[in-house]
Amino acid sequence: MQEYRISDAVIRRLPKYYRYLTELEANGAERISSSRMSKDMNLNASQIRRDLNCFGGFGQQGYGYQVSRLRQEIMRILGIGTPYSAVILGAGNIGQALLNTGILPTRDTG
């Protein structure tokens, strides 16, 4: 299997795509074109297509992207929803803030 490096710029844009697609999905959108995405996100349509093609073919020429599928794929790529184990030692201000978000499940080992 050939490995290649994904540019930092592409990685930085993925969360933006994810947030945008989440909003679209919440508003009931089923399909989106790269040209519509480019207008809404102030990006170049060909840049969006190149970014997404780094991870596989998610769209169809002339048909666009299925919003829910593309959002799920980006979610998978970013590792969102994948449980990770974490230990917080000496929970100072940052540790307390993380615990107070409710994102991290707690288990007191006393």
C-alpha atoms as a PDB file:
ATOM      1  CA  MET A   1       0.000   0.000   0.000  1.00  0.00           C
ATOM      2  CA  GLN A   2       1.423   3.345  -1.034  1.00  0.00           C
ATOM      3  CA  GLU A   3       1.675   5.954   1.699  1.00  0.00           C
ATOM      4  CA  TYR A   4       1.776   9.659   1.094  1.00  0.00           C
ATOM      5  CA  ARG A   5       1.671  12.708   3.285  1.00  0.00           C
ATOM      6  CA  ILE A   6      -1.489  14.800   3.548  1.00  0.00           C
ATOM      7  CA  SER A   7      -0.588  18.481   3.764  1.00  0.00           C
ATOM      8  CA  ASP A   8      -1.163  20.379   6.993  1.00  0.00           C
ATOM      9  CA  ALA A   9      -3.388  22.813   5.090  1.00  0.00           C
ATOM     10  CA  VAL A  10      -5.754  19.994   4.084  1.00  0.00           C
ATOM     11  CA  ILE A  11      -5.832  18.700   7.666  1.00  0.00           C
ATOM     12  CA  ARG A  12      -6.655  22.205   8.945  1.00  0.00           C
ATOM     13  CA  ARG A  13      -9.567  22.511   6.506  1.00  0.00           C
ATOM     14  CA  LEU A  14     -11.200  19.184   7.420  1.00  0.00           C
ATOM     15  CA  PRO A  15     -12.814  20.451  10.664  1.00  0.00           C
ATOM     16  CA  LYS A  16     -14.214  23.410   8.699  1.00  0.00           C
ATOM     17  CA  TYR A  17     -15.770  21.024   6.196  1.00  0.00           C
ATOM     18  CA  TYR A  18     -17.144  18.951   9.059  1.00  0.00           C
ATOM     19  CA  ARG A  19     -18.764  21.956  10.791  1.00  0.00           C
ATOM     20  CA  TYR A  20     -20.206  23.181   7.498  1.00  0.00           C
ATOM     21  CA  LEU A  21     -21.651  19.761   6.625  1.00  0.00           C
ATOM     22  CA  THR A  22     -23.084  19.362  10.136  1.00  0.00           C
ATOM     23  CA  GLU A  23     -24.918  22.647   9.713  1.00  0.00           C
ATOM     24  CA  LEU A  24     -26.176  21.640   6.265  1.00  0.00           C
ATOM     25  CA  GLU A  25     -27.396  18.297   7.561  1.00  0.00           C
ATOM     26  CA  ALA A  26     -29.179  19.988  10.487  1.00  0.00           C
ATOM     27  CA  ASN A  27     -30.962  22.197   7.945  1.00  0.00           C
ATOM     28  CA  GLY A  28     -32.117  19.168   5.952  1.00  0.00           C
ATOM     29  CA  ALA A  29     -29.715  19.382   2.995  1.00  0.00           C
ATOM     30  CA  GLU A  30     -29.151  16.055   1.253  1.00  0.00           C
ATOM     31  CA  ARG A  31     -26.712  17.007  -1.539  1.00  0.00           C
ATOM     32  CA  ILE A  32     -24.121  19.719  -2.003  1.00  0.00           C
ATOM     33  CA  SER A  33     -21.840  20.631  -4.887  1.00  0.00           C
ATOM     34  CA  SER A  34     -18.256  21.762  -4.529  1.00  0.00           C
ATOM     35  CA  SER A  35     -19.196  25.041  -6.225  1.00  0.00           C
ATOM     36  CA  ARG A  36     -21.913  25.704  -3.610  1.00  0.00           C
ATOM     37  CA  MET A  37     -19.480  24.774  -0.847  1.00  0.00           C
ATOM     38  CA  SER A  38     -16.894  27.126  -2.310  1.00  0.00           C
ATOM     39  CA  LYS A  39     -19.326  30.048  -2.299  1.00  0.00           C
ATOM     40  CA  ASP A  40     -20.514  29.356   1.236  1.00  0.00           C
ATOM     41  CA  MET A  41     -17.021  28.740   2.645  1.00  0.00           C
ATOM     42  CA  ASN A  42     -15.040  31.266   0.587  1.00  0.00           C
ATOM     43  CA  LEU A  43     -12.797  28.544  -0.820  1.00  0.00           C
ATOM     44  CA  ASN A  44     -11.962  27.463  -4.335  1.00  0.00           C
ATOM     45  CA  ALA A  45     -14.173  24.606  -5.631  1.00  0.00           C
ATOM     46  CA  SER A  46     -11.218  22.770  -7.152  1.00  0.00           C
ATOM     47  CA  GLN A  47      -9.361  23.048  -3.807  1.00  0.00           C
ATOM     48  CA  ILE A  48     -12.305  21.432  -2.033  1.00  0.00           C
ATOM     49  CA  ARG A  49     -12.390  18.592  -4.569  1.00  0.00           C
ATOM     50  CA  ARG A  50      -8.613  18.061  -4.271  1.00  0.00           C
ATOM     51  CA  ASP A  51      -8.810  18.070  -0.464  1.00  0.00           C
ATOM     52  CA  LEU A  52     -11.577  15.478  -0.400  1.00  0.00           C
ATOM     53  CA  ASN A  53      -9.919  13.344  -3.090  1.00  0.00           C
ATOM     54  CA  CYS A  54      -6.922  12.903  -0.774  1.00  0.00           C
ATOM     55  CA  PHE A  55      -9.115  10.487   1.185  1.00  0.00           C
ATOM     56  CA  GLY A  56     -11.060   8.820  -1.614  1.00  0.00           C
ATOM     57  CA  GLY A  57     -13.865   9.576  -4.015  1.00  0.00           C
ATOM     58  CA  PHE A  58     -16.881  10.813  -2.082  1.00  0.00           C
ATOM     59  CA  GLY A  59     -18.725  12.719  -4.787  1.00  0.00           C
ATOM     60  CA  GLN A  60     -20.032  12.240  -8.270  1.00  0.00           C
ATOM     61  CA  GLN A  61     -19.335  14.657 -11.099  1.00  0.00           C
ATOM     62  CA  GLY A  62     -22.447  16.653 -11.908  1.00  0.00           C
ATOM     63  CA  TYR A  63     -24.232  15.232  -8.884  1.00  0.00           C
ATOM     64  CA  GLY A  64     -22.204  16.545  -5.959  1.00  0.00           C
ATOM     65  CA  TYR A  65     -21.715  15.067  -2.526  1.00  0.00           C
ATOM     66  CA  GLN A  66     -24.228  13.336  -0.309  1.00  0.00           C
ATOM     67  CA  VAL A  67     -24.078  15.545   2.800  1.00  0.00           C
ATOM     68  CA  SER A  68     -24.602  12.844   5.430  1.00  0.00           C
ATOM     69  CA  ARG A  69     -22.120  10.409   3.852  1.00  0.00           C
ATOM     70  CA  LEU A  70     -19.415  13.056   3.389  1.00  0.00           C
ATOM     71  CA  ARG A  71     -19.918  14.266   6.963  1.00  0.00           C
ATOM     72  CA  GLN A  72     -19.600  10.689   8.266  1.00  0.00           C
ATOM     73  CA  GLU A  73     -16.436  10.101   6.235  1.00  0.00           C
ATOM     74  CA  ILE A  74     -14.818  13.289   7.505  1.00  0.00           C
ATOM     75  CA  MET A  75     -15.909  12.358  11.018  1.00  0.00           C
ATOM     76  CA  ARG A  76     -14.153   8.989  10.573  1.00  0.00           C
ATOM     77  CA  ILE A  77     -11.009  10.624   9.152  1.00  0.00           C
ATOM     78  CA  LEU A  78     -10.835  13.071  12.073  1.00  0.00           C
ATOM     79  CA  GLY A  79     -11.508  10.332  14.627  1.00  0.00           C
ATOM     80  CA  ILE A  80     -14.582  12.103  15.970  1.00  0.00           C
ATOM     81  CA  GLY A  81     -16.790   9.725  17.899  1.00  0.00           C
ATOM     82  CA  THR A  82     -13.975   7.240  18.408  1.00  0.00           C
ATOM     83  CA  PRO A  83     -13.471   6.650  22.121  1.00  0.00           C
ATOM     84  CA  TYR A  84      -9.973   7.296  23.416  1.00  0.00           C
ATOM     85  CA  SER A  85      -8.683   6.600  26.884  1.00  0.00           C
ATOM     86  CA  ALA A  86      -7.250   9.551  28.736  1.00  0.00           C
ATOM     87  CA  VAL A  87      -5.860  10.130  32.179  1.00  0.00           C
ATOM     88  CA  ILE A  88      -5.847  13.556  33.757  1.00  0.00           C
ATOM     89  CA  LEU A  89      -3.366  13.926  36.579  1.00  0.00           C
ATOM     90  CA  GLY A  90      -3.363  16.894  38.909  1.00  0.00           C
ATOM     91  CA  ALA A  91      -6.535  18.292  37.358  1.00  0.00           C
ATOM     92  CA  GLY A  92      -5.776  22.001  37.443  1.00  0.00           C
ATOM     93  CA  ASN A  93      -7.753  24.623  35.538  1.00  0.00           C
ATOM     94  CA  ILE A  94      -7.462  22.937  32.130  1.00  0.00           C
ATOM     95  CA  GLY A  95      -8.208  19.488  33.514  1.00  0.00           C
ATOM     96  CA  GLN A  96     -11.214  20.785  35.429  1.00  0.00           C
ATOM     97  CA  ALA A  97     -12.474  22.561  32.311  1.00  0.00           C
ATOM     98  CA  LEU A  98     -12.264  19.304  30.329  1.00  0.00           C
ATOM     99  CA  LEU A  99     -14.084  17.386  33.026  1.00  0.00           C
ATOM    100  CA  ASN A 100     -16.790  20.052  33.325  1.00  0.00           C
ATOM    101  CA  THR A 101     -17.614  19.848  29.605  1.00  0.00           C
ATOM    102  CA  GLY A 102     -19.071  16.399  30.129  1.00  0.00           C
ATOM    103  CA  ILE A 103     -17.178  15.184  27.067  1.00  0.00           C
ATOM    104  CA  LEU A 104     -14.870  13.023  29.118  1.00  0.00           C
ATOM    105  CA  PRO A 105     -16.443  10.185  31.097  1.00  0.00           C
ATOM    106  CA  THR A 106     -15.173  10.158  34.639  1.00  0.00           C
ATOM    107  CA  ARG A 107     -14.050   7.292  36.775  1.00  0.00           C
ATOM    108  CA  ASP A 108     -12.689   8.154  40.184  1.00  0.00           C
ATOM    109  CA  THR A 109      -9.969   5.736  41.211  1.00  0.00           C
ATOM    110  CA  GLY A 110      -9.695   7.527  44.552  1.00  0.00           C
END
